[in-house]
C-alpha atoms as a PDB file:
ATOM      1  CA  MET A   1      17.924   0.103 -68.049  1.00  0.00           C
ATOM      2  CA  SER A   2      17.195  -0.446 -71.732  1.00  0.00           C
ATOM      3  CA  ILE A   3      18.642   1.373 -74.701  1.00  0.00           C
ATOM      4  CA  GLU A   4      15.248   2.973 -75.373  1.00  0.00           C
ATOM      5  CA  GLN A   5      15.061   4.479 -71.898  1.00  0.00           C
ATOM      6  CA  PHE A   6      18.610   5.720 -71.617  1.00  0.00           C
ATOM      7  CA  HIS A   7      20.048   6.424 -75.088  1.00  0.00           C
ATOM      8  CA  ILE A   8      17.208   7.033 -77.541  1.00  0.00           C
ATOM      9  CA  PRO A   9      15.589  10.115 -75.954  1.00  0.00           C
ATOM     10  CA  HIS A  10      18.518  12.395 -76.828  1.00  0.00           C
ATOM     11  CA  PRO A  11      18.639  11.667 -80.595  1.00  0.00           C
ATOM     12  CA  SER A  12      14.862  11.567 -80.619  1.00  0.00           C
ATOM     13  CA  ASP A  13      14.593  15.090 -79.223  1.00  0.00           C
ATOM     14  CA  LYS A  14      17.523  16.416 -81.221  1.00  0.00           C
ATOM     15  CA  HIS A  15      16.199  15.194 -84.577  1.00  0.00           C
ATOM     16  CA  LYS A  16      12.521  15.634 -83.787  1.00  0.00           C
ATOM     17  CA  ILE A  17      11.772  11.976 -84.373  1.00  0.00           C
ATOM     18  CA  ILE A  18       8.031  11.539 -84.714  1.00  0.00           C
ATOM     19  CA  LYS A  19       7.879   7.819 -84.021  1.00  0.00           C
ATOM     20  CA  TYR A  20      10.338   5.078 -83.105  1.00  0.00           C
ATOM     21  CA  PHE A  21       9.441   1.399 -83.523  1.00  0.00           C
ATOM     22  CA  ARG A  22      11.619  -1.569 -82.598  1.00  0.00           C
ATOM     23  CA  TYR A  23      11.088  -5.300 -82.809  1.00  0.00           C
ATOM     24  CA  VAL A  24      14.135  -7.348 -81.743  1.00  0.00           C
ATOM     25  CA  ASP A  25      16.867  -5.916 -84.020  1.00  0.00           C
ATOM     26  CA  ASP A  26      14.673  -4.090 -86.536  1.00  0.00           C
ATOM     27  CA  ILE A  27      14.029  -0.407 -85.973  1.00  0.00           C
ATOM     28  CA  GLN A  28      11.916   2.029 -87.906  1.00  0.00           C
ATOM     29  CA  VAL A  29      12.202   5.753 -87.341  1.00  0.00           C
ATOM     30  CA  ILE A  30       9.742   8.313 -88.673  1.00  0.00           C
ATOM     31  CA  TYR A  31      11.147  11.817 -88.704  1.00  0.00           C
ATOM     32  CA  ASP A  32      10.450  15.233 -90.171  1.00  0.00           C
ATOM     33  CA  THR A  33      12.793  15.925 -93.084  1.00  0.00           C
ATOM     34  CA  ASN A  34      12.481  19.650 -92.389  1.00  0.00           C
ATOM     35  CA  HIS A  35      14.324  19.215 -89.074  1.00  0.00           C
ATOM     36  CA  SER A  36      16.913  16.553 -89.811  1.00  0.00           C
ATOM     37  CA  ASP A  37      18.231  14.114 -92.354  1.00  0.00           C
ATOM     38  CA  VAL A  38      18.822  10.392 -92.235  1.00  0.00           C
ATOM     39  CA  GLN A  39      22.632  10.673 -92.286  1.00  0.00           C
ATOM     40  CA  ASN A  40      22.702  12.790 -89.121  1.00  0.00           C
ATOM     41  CA  ILE A  41      20.252  10.486 -87.369  1.00  0.00           C
ATOM     42  CA  LEU A  42      22.305   7.450 -88.368  1.00  0.00           C
ATOM     43  CA  LYS A  43      25.502   9.113 -87.163  1.00  0.00           C
ATOM     44  CA  ASP A  44      23.987   9.823 -83.740  1.00  0.00           C
ATOM     45  CA  PHE A  45      22.543   6.328 -83.410  1.00  0.00           C
ATOM     46  CA  ASN A  46      25.941   4.821 -84.231  1.00  0.00           C
ATOM     47  CA  THR A  47      27.534   6.711 -81.330  1.00  0.00           C
ATOM     48  CA  ILE A  48      25.225   5.058 -78.773  1.00  0.00           C
ATOM     49  CA  HIS A  49      27.490   2.052 -78.190  1.00  0.00           C
ATOM     50  CA  PRO A  50      30.683   0.877 -79.941  1.00  0.00           C
ATOM     51  CA  LYS A  51      29.328  -2.658 -80.411  1.00  0.00           C
ATOM     52  CA  LEU A  52      26.068  -1.528 -82.012  1.00  0.00           C
ATOM     53  CA  LYS A  53      26.098  -0.832 -85.731  1.00  0.00           C
ATOM     54  CA  PHE A  54      23.009   0.764 -87.219  1.00  0.00           C
ATOM     55  CA  THR A  55      22.332   0.776 -90.947  1.00  0.00           C
ATOM     56  CA  LYS A  56      19.664   2.489 -92.972  1.00  0.00           C
ATOM     57  CA  GLU A  57      17.129   1.631 -95.577  1.00  0.00           C
ATOM     58  CA  CYS A  58      15.180   4.542 -96.980  1.00  0.00           C
ATOM     59  CA  GLU A  59      11.772   4.494 -98.534  1.00  0.00           C
ATOM     60  CA  LYS A  60      11.511   4.276-102.311  1.00  0.00           C
ATOM     61  CA  ASN A  61       8.474   5.606-104.150  1.00  0.00           C
ATOM     62  CA  ASN A  62       6.899   6.509-100.782  1.00  0.00           C
ATOM     63  CA  GLN A  63       7.099   2.876 -99.727  1.00  0.00           C
ATOM     64  CA  ILE A  64       9.204   0.819 -97.322  1.00  0.00           C
ATOM     65  CA  ASN A  65       9.143  -2.763 -96.068  1.00  0.00           C
ATOM     66  CA  PHE A  66       9.413  -3.276 -92.324  1.00  0.00           C
ATOM     67  CA  LEU A  67       9.190  -6.755 -90.847  1.00  0.00           C
ATOM     68  CA  ASP A  68       6.372  -8.446 -92.791  1.00  0.00           C
ATOM     69  CA  ILE A  69       4.519  -5.329 -93.864  1.00  0.00           C
ATOM     70  CA  THR A  70       4.787  -2.795 -96.641  1.00  0.00           C
ATOM     71  CA  ILE A  71       4.057   0.767 -95.598  1.00  0.00           C
ATOM     72  CA  ASN A  72       2.908   3.163 -98.325  1.00  0.00           C
ATOM     73  CA  ARG A  73       2.937   6.849 -97.455  1.00  0.00           C
ATOM     74  CA  THR A  74       0.280   9.044 -99.024  1.00  0.00           C
ATOM     75  CA  HIS A  75      -0.416  12.747 -98.567  1.00  0.00           C
ATOM     76  CA  ILE A  76      -2.966  12.161 -95.822  1.00  0.00           C
ATOM     77  CA  ASN A  77      -2.233   8.729 -94.308  1.00  0.00           C
ATOM     78  CA  TRP A  78      -0.352   5.444 -94.510  1.00  0.00           C
ATOM     79  CA  ARG A  79      -1.491   2.270 -96.200  1.00  0.00           C
ATOM     80  CA  ILE A  80      -0.268  -1.033 -94.847  1.00  0.00           C
ATOM     81  CA  SER A  81      -0.188  -4.367 -96.647  1.00  0.00           C
ATOM     82  CA  VAL A  82       1.456  -7.741 -96.161  1.00  0.00           C
ATOM     83  CA  TYR A  83       5.000  -8.005 -97.499  1.00  0.00           C
ATOM     84  CA  ARG A  84       6.434 -11.270 -98.732  1.00  0.00           C
ATOM     85  CA  LYS A  85      10.096 -11.570 -99.609  1.00  0.00           C
ATOM     86  CA  PRO A  86      10.873 -12.840-103.114  1.00  0.00           C
ATOM     87  CA  THR A  87      12.101 -16.089-101.515  1.00  0.00           C
ATOM     88  CA  PHE A  88       8.804 -16.670 -99.669  1.00  0.00           C
ATOM     89  CA  THR A  89       7.539 -20.237-100.238  1.00  0.00           C
ATOM     90  CA  ASP A  90       4.321 -20.290 -98.188  1.00  0.00           C
ATOM     91  CA  THR A  91       5.572 -23.426 -96.467  1.00  0.00           C
ATOM     92  CA  ILE A  92       4.338 -24.083 -92.949  1.00  0.00           C
ATOM     93  CA  ILE A  93       5.306 -26.626 -90.306  1.00  0.00           C
ATOM     94  CA  PRO A  94       2.786 -29.517 -90.444  1.00  0.00           C
ATOM     95  CA  TYR A  95       0.936 -30.193 -87.239  1.00  0.00           C
ATOM     96  CA  THR A  96       2.145 -33.801 -87.257  1.00  0.00           C
ATOM     97  CA  SER A  97       5.821 -32.841 -87.393  1.00  0.00           C
ATOM     98  CA  ASN A  98       8.192 -33.411 -84.500  1.00  0.00           C
ATOM     99  CA  HIS A  99       8.662 -29.700 -83.875  1.00  0.00           C
ATOM    100  CA  PRO A 100       7.671 -28.399 -80.431  1.00  0.00           C
ATOM    101  CA  ASN A 101       4.064 -27.236 -80.257  1.00  0.00           C
ATOM    102  CA  PRO A 102       4.974 -23.549 -79.623  1.00  0.00           C
ATOM    103  CA  HIS A 103       6.737 -23.516 -83.031  1.00  0.00           C
ATOM    104  CA  LYS A 104       3.669 -24.734 -84.923  1.00  0.00           C
END
């Protein structure tokens, strides 16, 4: 049984989480600030398992980066754009390299 099936439903219901996204070890939670706050959500998530440590990153100026996208929150919708870290070099693995084909 996965963590999403067994442990996440309780905090999700308790804090009225609107949406929960996870990719590998990155999680994004969308919640209603009228029902809960990020500190309480973080506290409950950190009680799920002693070896799991959750941290938070809050949006700034109605914007947050998640994986390789930037999510901008407006009054009526969300705008999504590609996010590149400041260290991004736009370097790719050449097809003729000795890397395995699935990596190319």
